[in-house]
């Protein structure tokens, strides 16, 4: 069985700009590393929750938030699925 990757796009002002940043990530740890590099910020905990189905791009969209325990938490971007934890 092949590896399953999620598509992630960074939060930008416009969808068109956000789609230019799409990357494939294989797990939450890799996503944390990519977000940390992009924003030059420490990422300890991510909150990932279902947002909506975006018919413009065909994604079941999940919002990704860098959860800094209420101290400057922010939306990092969006996934086209969620990671399954075993």
N, C-alpha and C. Protein backbone atom coordinates (compact mmCIF):
# COMPACT_ATOMS: atom_id res chain seq x y z
N UNK A 1 0.85 -1.19 0.00
CA UNK A 1 0.00 0.00 0.00
C UNK A 1 0.88 1.24 0.00
N UNK A 2 0.56 2.20 -0.86
CA UNK A 2 1.34 3.42 -0.97
C UNK A 2 1.07 4.38 0.16
N UNK A 3 1.96 5.33 0.32
CA UNK A 3 1.79 6.34 1.36
C UNK A 3 0.69 7.30 0.96
N UNK A 4 -0.03 7.74 1.95
CA UNK A 4 -1.10 8.71 1.73
C UNK A 4 -0.60 10.08 2.19
N UNK A 5 -0.67 11.03 1.32
CA UNK A 5 -0.26 12.40 1.63
C UNK A 5 -1.48 13.30 1.64
N UNK A 6 -1.45 14.28 2.51
CA UNK A 6 -2.48 15.32 2.54
C UNK A 6 -1.92 16.53 1.81
N UNK A 7 -2.81 17.27 1.20
CA UNK A 7 -2.42 18.54 0.59
C UNK A 7 -2.67 19.63 1.62
N UNK A 8 -1.69 20.51 1.75
CA UNK A 8 -1.80 21.63 2.68
C UNK A 8 -1.48 22.91 1.92
N UNK A 9 -2.28 23.93 2.18
CA UNK A 9 -1.99 25.24 1.59
C UNK A 9 -1.95 26.27 2.71
N UNK A 10 -0.96 27.15 2.61
CA UNK A 10 -0.81 28.18 3.63
C UNK A 10 -1.89 29.23 3.48
N UNK A 11 -2.24 29.85 4.60
CA UNK A 11 -3.26 30.89 4.63
C UNK A 11 -2.72 32.15 3.95
N UNK A 12 -3.45 32.62 2.96
CA UNK A 12 -3.10 33.84 2.23
C UNK A 12 -4.38 34.67 2.09
N UNK A 13 -4.26 35.86 1.60
CA UNK A 13 -5.41 36.74 1.44
C UNK A 13 -6.43 36.23 0.43
N UNK A 14 -5.95 35.65 -0.65
CA UNK A 14 -6.84 35.18 -1.71
C UNK A 14 -6.59 33.70 -1.97
N UNK A 15 -7.64 33.00 -2.36
CA UNK A 15 -7.53 31.57 -2.66
C UNK A 15 -6.46 31.31 -3.71
N UNK A 16 -6.44 32.13 -4.74
CA UNK A 16 -5.47 31.97 -5.83
C UNK A 16 -4.03 31.99 -5.28
N UNK A 17 -3.75 32.92 -4.38
CA UNK A 17 -2.43 33.02 -3.78
C UNK A 17 -2.13 31.83 -2.87
N UNK A 18 -3.15 31.40 -2.13
CA UNK A 18 -2.99 30.26 -1.23
C UNK A 18 -2.68 28.97 -2.01
N UNK A 19 -3.33 28.80 -3.14
CA UNK A 19 -3.12 27.59 -3.95
C UNK A 19 -1.69 27.51 -4.51
N UNK A 20 -1.02 28.64 -4.62
CA UNK A 20 0.37 28.64 -5.08
C UNK A 20 1.31 28.05 -4.04
N UNK A 21 0.83 27.88 -2.81
CA UNK A 21 1.68 27.38 -1.72
C UNK A 21 1.40 25.92 -1.37
N UNK A 22 0.59 25.21 -2.15
CA UNK A 22 0.22 23.83 -1.82
C UNK A 22 1.45 22.93 -1.75
N UNK A 23 1.50 22.16 -0.65
CA UNK A 23 2.55 21.16 -0.48
C UNK A 23 1.89 19.85 -0.04
N UNK A 24 2.58 18.73 -0.23
CA UNK A 24 2.12 17.43 0.24
C UNK A 24 2.81 17.14 1.56
N UNK A 25 2.04 16.69 2.55
CA UNK A 25 2.60 16.31 3.84
C UNK A 25 2.09 14.92 4.21
N UNK A 26 2.96 14.13 4.85
CA UNK A 26 2.59 12.74 5.14
C UNK A 26 2.08 12.53 6.56
N UNK A 27 2.39 13.47 7.46
CA UNK A 27 1.91 13.33 8.83
C UNK A 27 1.94 14.68 9.54
N UNK A 28 1.42 14.70 10.75
CA UNK A 28 1.32 15.96 11.48
C UNK A 28 2.69 16.53 11.84
N UNK A 29 3.65 15.66 12.12
CA UNK A 29 4.99 16.13 12.46
C UNK A 29 5.64 16.86 11.28
N UNK A 30 5.48 16.31 10.09
CA UNK A 30 6.00 16.98 8.90
C UNK A 30 5.30 18.31 8.68
N UNK A 31 3.99 18.34 8.91
CA UNK A 31 3.23 19.59 8.78
C UNK A 31 3.74 20.64 9.76
N UNK A 32 3.98 20.24 11.00
CA UNK A 32 4.52 21.18 12.00
C UNK A 32 5.85 21.76 11.53
N UNK A 33 6.72 20.91 10.99
CA UNK A 33 8.02 21.38 10.51
C UNK A 33 7.88 22.38 9.37
N UNK A 34 6.98 22.10 8.43
CA UNK A 34 6.77 23.00 7.28
C UNK A 34 6.20 24.35 7.74
N UNK A 35 5.26 24.30 8.66
CA UNK A 35 4.66 25.54 9.17
C UNK A 35 5.71 26.35 9.93
N UNK A 36 6.50 25.67 10.74
CA UNK A 36 7.56 26.33 11.50
C UNK A 36 8.54 27.05 10.58
N UNK A 37 8.93 26.39 9.48
CA UNK A 37 9.85 27.01 8.53
C UNK A 37 9.21 28.20 7.82
N UNK A 38 7.96 28.03 7.39
CA UNK A 38 7.28 29.07 6.62
C UNK A 38 7.08 30.35 7.44
N UNK A 39 6.62 30.17 8.69
CA UNK A 39 6.32 31.33 9.53
C UNK A 39 7.48 31.72 10.45
N UNK A 40 8.56 30.95 10.42
CA UNK A 40 9.69 31.17 11.31
C UNK A 40 9.20 31.30 12.75
N UNK A 41 8.42 30.29 13.16
CA UNK A 41 7.77 30.31 14.46
C UNK A 41 7.74 28.89 15.02
N UNK A 42 7.81 28.76 16.31
CA UNK A 42 7.74 27.45 16.95
C UNK A 42 6.32 26.91 16.87
N UNK A 43 6.21 25.63 16.56
CA UNK A 43 4.91 24.97 16.50
C UNK A 43 4.97 23.74 17.42
N UNK A 44 4.27 23.82 18.54
CA UNK A 44 4.21 22.68 19.46
C UNK A 44 2.93 21.89 19.28
N UNK A 45 1.83 22.61 19.09
CA UNK A 45 0.53 21.96 19.01
C UNK A 45 -0.30 22.59 17.90
N UNK A 46 -0.86 21.73 17.06
CA UNK A 46 -1.77 22.20 16.01
C UNK A 46 -3.18 21.78 16.36
N UNK A 47 -4.12 22.65 16.10
CA UNK A 47 -5.54 22.31 16.17
C UNK A 47 -6.02 22.17 14.73
N UNK A 48 -6.59 21.02 14.42
CA UNK A 48 -7.09 20.75 13.07
C UNK A 48 -8.56 20.38 13.18
N UNK A 49 -9.41 21.15 12.49
CA UNK A 49 -10.84 20.87 12.56
C UNK A 49 -11.51 21.10 11.20
N UNK A 50 -12.56 20.32 10.97
CA UNK A 50 -13.28 20.41 9.71
C UNK A 50 -13.91 21.79 9.57
N UNK A 51 -13.78 22.37 8.38
CA UNK A 51 -14.34 23.69 8.11
C UNK A 51 -15.55 23.57 7.18
N UNK A 52 -15.32 23.02 5.97
CA UNK A 52 -16.39 22.92 4.99
C UNK A 52 -15.90 22.17 3.75
N UNK A 53 -16.83 21.86 2.87
CA UNK A 53 -16.45 21.36 1.55
C UNK A 53 -16.33 22.57 0.64
N UNK A 54 -15.16 22.77 0.06
CA UNK A 54 -14.93 23.91 -0.82
C UNK A 54 -15.08 23.45 -2.26
N UNK A 55 -16.23 23.72 -2.83
CA UNK A 55 -16.51 23.25 -4.20
C UNK A 55 -15.65 23.94 -5.25
N UNK A 56 -15.04 25.08 -4.90
CA UNK A 56 -14.17 25.77 -5.85
C UNK A 56 -12.95 24.92 -6.20
N UNK A 57 -12.47 24.14 -5.22
CA UNK A 57 -11.25 23.36 -5.43
C UNK A 57 -11.44 21.87 -5.16
N UNK A 58 -12.65 21.47 -4.77
CA UNK A 58 -12.95 20.07 -4.53
C UNK A 58 -12.31 19.49 -3.27
N UNK A 59 -12.10 20.32 -2.27
CA UNK A 59 -11.48 19.87 -1.02
C UNK A 59 -12.51 19.77 0.10
N UNK A 60 -12.42 18.69 0.90
CA UNK A 60 -13.02 18.68 2.23
C UNK A 60 -12.00 19.43 3.06
N UNK A 61 -12.29 20.66 3.41
CA UNK A 61 -11.30 21.57 3.97
C UNK A 61 -11.27 21.56 5.50
N UNK A 62 -10.08 21.40 6.03
CA UNK A 62 -9.82 21.44 7.47
C UNK A 62 -8.93 22.63 7.76
N UNK A 63 -9.31 23.43 8.75
CA UNK A 63 -8.51 24.59 9.13
C UNK A 63 -7.43 24.14 10.11
N UNK A 64 -6.23 24.68 9.94
CA UNK A 64 -5.08 24.33 10.78
C UNK A 64 -4.65 25.58 11.55
N UNK A 65 -4.66 25.47 12.87
CA UNK A 65 -4.32 26.59 13.74
C UNK A 65 -3.09 26.25 14.57
N UNK A 66 -2.12 27.16 14.60
CA UNK A 66 -0.99 27.02 15.51
C UNK A 66 -1.51 27.42 16.88
N UNK A 67 -1.75 26.42 17.71
CA UNK A 67 -2.37 26.62 19.02
C UNK A 67 -1.30 26.95 20.05
N UNK A 68 -1.21 28.21 20.38
CA UNK A 68 -0.18 28.66 21.32
C UNK A 68 -0.79 28.97 22.68
N UNK A 69 -1.74 28.11 23.09
CA UNK A 69 -2.40 28.24 24.39
C UNK A 69 -2.97 29.64 24.61
N UNK A 70 -3.61 30.17 23.56
CA UNK A 70 -4.24 31.48 23.67
C UNK A 70 -3.28 32.65 23.58
N UNK A 71 -2.01 32.38 23.35
CA UNK A 71 -1.00 33.45 23.28
C UNK A 71 -0.59 33.67 21.83
N UNK A 72 -1.45 34.29 21.06
CA UNK A 72 -1.12 34.58 19.67
C UNK A 72 -1.40 33.44 18.71
N UNK A 73 -2.36 32.57 19.04
CA UNK A 73 -2.74 31.49 18.13
C UNK A 73 -3.20 32.10 16.81
N UNK A 74 -2.93 31.39 15.70
CA UNK A 74 -3.32 31.92 14.40
C UNK A 74 -3.57 30.79 13.39
N UNK A 75 -4.37 31.11 12.38
CA UNK A 75 -4.64 30.18 11.29
C UNK A 75 -3.39 30.11 10.42
N UNK A 76 -2.88 28.89 10.25
CA UNK A 76 -1.68 28.67 9.42
C UNK A 76 -2.07 28.36 7.98
N UNK A 77 -3.17 27.60 7.84
CA UNK A 77 -3.57 27.20 6.51
C UNK A 77 -4.67 26.15 6.55
N UNK A 78 -4.72 25.36 5.48
CA UNK A 78 -5.84 24.44 5.29
C UNK A 78 -5.35 23.11 4.71
N UNK A 79 -5.95 22.02 5.19
CA UNK A 79 -5.67 20.67 4.69
C UNK A 79 -6.85 20.17 3.89
N UNK A 80 -6.60 19.21 3.00
CA UNK A 80 -7.70 18.60 2.26
C UNK A 80 -8.16 17.30 2.90
N UNK A 81 -7.76 17.06 4.13
CA UNK A 81 -8.15 15.88 4.88
C UNK A 81 -7.58 15.99 6.29
N UNK A 82 -7.76 14.94 7.08
CA UNK A 82 -7.18 14.97 8.43
C UNK A 82 -6.35 13.72 8.63
N UNK A 83 -5.40 13.81 9.52
CA UNK A 83 -4.52 12.69 9.80
C UNK A 83 -5.22 11.73 10.76
N UNK A 84 -5.05 10.46 10.52
CA UNK A 84 -5.62 9.43 11.38
C UNK A 84 -4.55 9.05 12.39
N UNK A 85 -4.90 9.12 13.66
CA UNK A 85 -3.95 8.76 14.71
C UNK A 85 -4.30 7.37 15.21
N UNK A 86 -3.29 6.52 15.31
CA UNK A 86 -3.50 5.14 15.79
C UNK A 86 -2.97 4.99 17.18
